C-alpha atoms as a PDB file:
ATOM      1  CA  MET A   1     -13.833   0.541  -3.988  1.00  0.00           C
ATOM      2  CA  ARG A   2     -16.686  -0.583  -5.895  1.00  0.00           C
ATOM      3  CA  PRO A   3     -16.840  -4.282  -7.599  1.00  0.00           C
ATOM      4  CA  MET A   4     -14.761  -4.189 -10.790  1.00  0.00           C
ATOM      5  CA  THR A   5     -16.571  -4.787 -14.183  1.00  0.00           C
ATOM      6  CA  ASP A   6     -15.350  -7.765 -16.602  1.00  0.00           C
ATOM      7  CA  ASN A   7     -13.663  -5.123 -18.721  1.00  0.00           C
ATOM      8  CA  GLU A   8     -11.763  -3.754 -15.500  1.00  0.00           C
ATOM      9  CA  ARG A   9     -11.168  -7.502 -14.511  1.00  0.00           C
ATOM     10  CA  ARG A  10      -9.725  -8.316 -18.036  1.00  0.00           C
ATOM     11  CA  PHE A  11      -7.423  -5.098 -17.966  1.00  0.00           C
ATOM     12  CA  ALA A  12      -6.145  -5.872 -14.452  1.00  0.00           C
ATOM     13  CA  GLU A  13      -5.407  -9.564 -15.409  1.00  0.00           C
ATOM     14  CA  GLU A  14      -3.534  -8.577 -18.821  1.00  0.00           C
ATOM     15  CA  HIS A  15      -1.323  -5.859 -16.665  1.00  0.00           C
ATOM     16  CA  HIS A  16      -0.870  -7.873 -13.688  1.00  0.00           C
ATOM     17  CA  ASP A  17       2.693  -8.406 -14.113  1.00  0.00           C
ATOM     18  CA  ILE A  18       3.198  -4.826 -13.315  1.00  0.00           C
ATOM     19  CA  VAL A  19       2.652  -5.528  -9.571  1.00  0.00           C
ATOM     20  CA  ALA A  20       5.445  -8.161  -9.579  1.00  0.00           C
ATOM     21  CA  ARG A  21       7.886  -6.077 -11.559  1.00  0.00           C
ATOM     22  CA  TYR A  22       7.384  -3.170  -9.282  1.00  0.00           C
ATOM     23  CA  LEU A  23       7.813  -5.095  -6.039  1.00  0.00           C
ATOM     24  CA  ARG A  24      10.871  -6.595  -7.623  1.00  0.00           C
ATOM     25  CA  TRP A  25      12.324  -3.244  -8.653  1.00  0.00           C
ATOM     26  CA  ARG A  26      11.860  -1.965  -4.919  1.00  0.00           C
ATOM     27  CA  ARG A  27      13.298  -5.156  -3.606  1.00  0.00           C
ATOM     28  CA  LEU A  28      10.317  -6.038  -1.606  1.00  0.00           C
ATOM     29  CA  ASP A  29       9.262  -9.464  -0.718  1.00  0.00           C
ATOM     30  CA  PRO A  30       5.906 -10.019  -2.746  1.00  0.00           C
ATOM     31  CA  GLY A  31       4.634 -12.365   0.201  1.00  0.00           C
ATOM     32  CA  GLU A  32       4.886  -9.609   2.458  1.00  0.00           C
ATOM     33  CA  TYR A  33       4.116  -6.545   0.494  1.00  0.00           C
ATOM     34  CA  TYR A  34       1.817  -7.814  -2.354  1.00  0.00           C
ATOM     35  CA  ASP A  35      -1.424  -7.294   0.015  1.00  0.00           C
ATOM     36  CA  VAL A  36      -0.273  -3.693   0.587  1.00  0.00           C
ATOM     37  CA  VAL A  37      -0.169  -2.827  -3.165  1.00  0.00           C
ATOM     38  CA  ILE A  38      -2.704  -4.767  -4.703  1.00  0.00           C
ATOM     39  CA  LEU A  39      -5.884  -3.025  -3.888  1.00  0.00           C
ATOM     40  CA  ARG A  40      -4.286   0.523  -4.833  1.00  0.00           C
ATOM     41  CA  TYR A  41      -3.460  -1.479  -8.340  1.00  0.00           C
ATOM     42  CA  MET A  42      -6.961  -2.408  -8.736  1.00  0.00           C
ATOM     43  CA  GLY A  43      -8.105   1.117  -7.781  1.00  0.00           C
ATOM     44  CA  ALA A  44      -5.745   2.358 -10.515  1.00  0.00           C
ATOM     45  CA  VAL A  45      -7.382  -0.002 -13.035  1.00  0.00           C
ATOM     46  CA  GLN A  46     -10.670   1.430 -12.382  1.00  0.00           C
ATOM     47  CA  ARG A  47      -9.467   5.190 -12.458  1.00  0.00           C
ATOM     48  CA  TYR A  48      -7.496   4.615 -15.729  1.00  0.00           C
ATOM     49  CA  LEU A  49     -10.195   3.199 -17.593  1.00  0.00           C
ATOM     50  CA  ASN A  50     -12.857   5.544 -16.366  1.00  0.00           C
ATOM     51  CA  GLU A  51     -11.186   8.744 -16.261  1.00  0.00           C
ATOM     52  CA  PRO A  52     -10.054   9.624 -20.054  1.00  0.00           C
ATOM     53  CA  ARG A  53      -7.540  12.234 -18.941  1.00  0.00           C
ATOM     54  CA  LEU A  54      -5.483   9.361 -17.343  1.00  0.00           C
ATOM     55  CA  GLN A  55      -5.297   7.612 -20.547  1.00  0.00           C
ATOM     56  CA  GLN A  56      -2.750  10.147 -22.228  1.00  0.00           C
ATOM     57  CA  TYR A  57      -0.159   8.325 -19.728  1.00  0.00           C
ATOM     58  CA  ALA A  58       0.876   4.759 -20.069  1.00  0.00           C
ATOM     59  CA  PHE A  59      -1.010   2.609 -17.541  1.00  0.00           C
ATOM     60  CA  GLU A  60       2.188   1.463 -15.733  1.00  0.00           C
ATOM     61  CA  THR A  61       2.842   5.220 -14.917  1.00  0.00           C
ATOM     62  CA  ILE A  62      -0.396   5.521 -13.019  1.00  0.00           C
ATOM     63  CA  ALA A  63      -0.234   2.038 -11.492  1.00  0.00           C
ATOM     64  CA  ARG A  64       2.978   2.571 -10.330  1.00  0.00           C
ATOM     65  CA  GLY A  65       2.115   5.961  -8.505  1.00  0.00           C
ATOM     66  CA  ALA A  66      -0.767   4.296  -6.956  1.00  0.00           C
ATOM     67  CA  MET A  67       1.526   1.484  -5.490  1.00  0.00           C
ATOM     68  CA  ARG A  68       4.026   3.898  -4.570  1.00  0.00           C
ATOM     69  CA  SER A  69       1.376   5.785  -2.615  1.00  0.00           C
ATOM     70  CA  ALA A  70       0.334   2.629  -0.912  1.00  0.00           C
ATOM     71  CA  LEU A  71       3.593   1.549   0.393  1.00  0.00           C
ATOM     72  CA  TYR A  72       4.399   5.349   1.544  1.00  0.00           C
ATOM     73  CA  ASN A  73       1.095   5.004   3.587  1.00  0.00           C
ATOM     74  CA  HIS A  74       2.018   1.703   4.892  1.00  0.00           C
ATOM     75  CA  PHE A  75       5.685   2.437   6.258  1.00  0.00           C
ATOM     76  CA  ARG A  76       4.133   5.714   7.697  1.00  0.00           C
ATOM     77  CA  SER A  77       1.808   3.918   9.468  1.00  0.00           C
ATOM     78  CA  GLU A  78       4.454   1.457  10.650  1.00  0.00           C
ATOM     79  CA  ARG A  79       6.470   4.075  11.759  1.00  0.00           C
ATOM     80  CA  ARG A  80       3.966   5.690  13.757  1.00  0.00           C
ATOM     81  CA  ARG A  81       2.939   2.266  15.407  1.00  0.00           C
ATOM     82  CA  LEU A  82       6.492   1.620  16.395  1.00  0.00           C
ATOM     83  CA  SER A  83       6.767   5.029  17.671  1.00  0.00           C
ATOM     84  CA  TYR A  84       3.668   4.483  19.779  1.00  0.00           C
ATOM     85  CA  CYS A  85       5.094   1.261  21.130  1.00  0.00           C
ATOM     86  CA  ILE A  86       8.404   3.033  21.873  1.00  0.00           C
ATOM     87  CA  THR A  87       6.893   5.792  23.667  1.00  0.00           C
ATOM     88  CA  ASN A  88       4.748   3.758  25.741  1.00  0.00           C
ATOM     89  CA  THR A  89       7.471   1.412  26.757  1.00  0.00           C
ATOM     90  CA  GLU A  90       9.375   4.403  27.681  1.00  0.00           C
ATOM     91  CA  LEU A  91       6.665   5.731  29.871  1.00  0.00           C
ATOM     92  CA  VAL A  92       6.418   2.428  31.703  1.00  0.00           C
ATOM     93  CA  GLU A  93       9.928   2.243  32.336  1.00  0.00           C
ATOM     94  CA  ARG A  94      10.102   5.656  33.733  1.00  0.00           C
ATOM     95  CA  ALA A  95       6.816   5.388  35.791  1.00  0.00           C
ATOM     96  CA  PRO A  96       7.298   5.061  39.718  1.00  0.00           C
ATOM     97  CA  ARG A  97       6.990   1.366  40.639  1.00  0.00           C
ATOM     98  CA  ARG A  98       3.863   2.082  42.853  1.00  0.00           C
ATOM     99  CA  LEU A  99       1.897   2.997  39.906  1.00  0.00           C
ATOM    100  CA  LEU A 100       2.703  -0.307  38.101  1.00  0.00           C
ATOM    101  CA  VAL A 101       1.856  -2.498  40.837  1.00  0.00           C
ATOM    102  CA  VAL A 102      -1.613  -4.172  39.935  1.00  0.00           C
END
């Protein structure tokens, strides 16, 4: 993502309440998930202001779609990480003891 222009920054600030409302609607703790969605929100601001075809939609529609995508990717990544940890734990538990001695 490139640095935001003054116009983009102003627009993002004016509509920032969309982020809080979205997290509240999803019943997610802002302290935990704000960082997950905010970069996509800022990207949505840049896209919305620079791609005229998007302006036929309400900005909130574009922002919510971007934040939904960010959360989906976050949870998918977490699921993979947990799956990897479980798989490795199972491998260690099933490994012959002689292989585990260091």
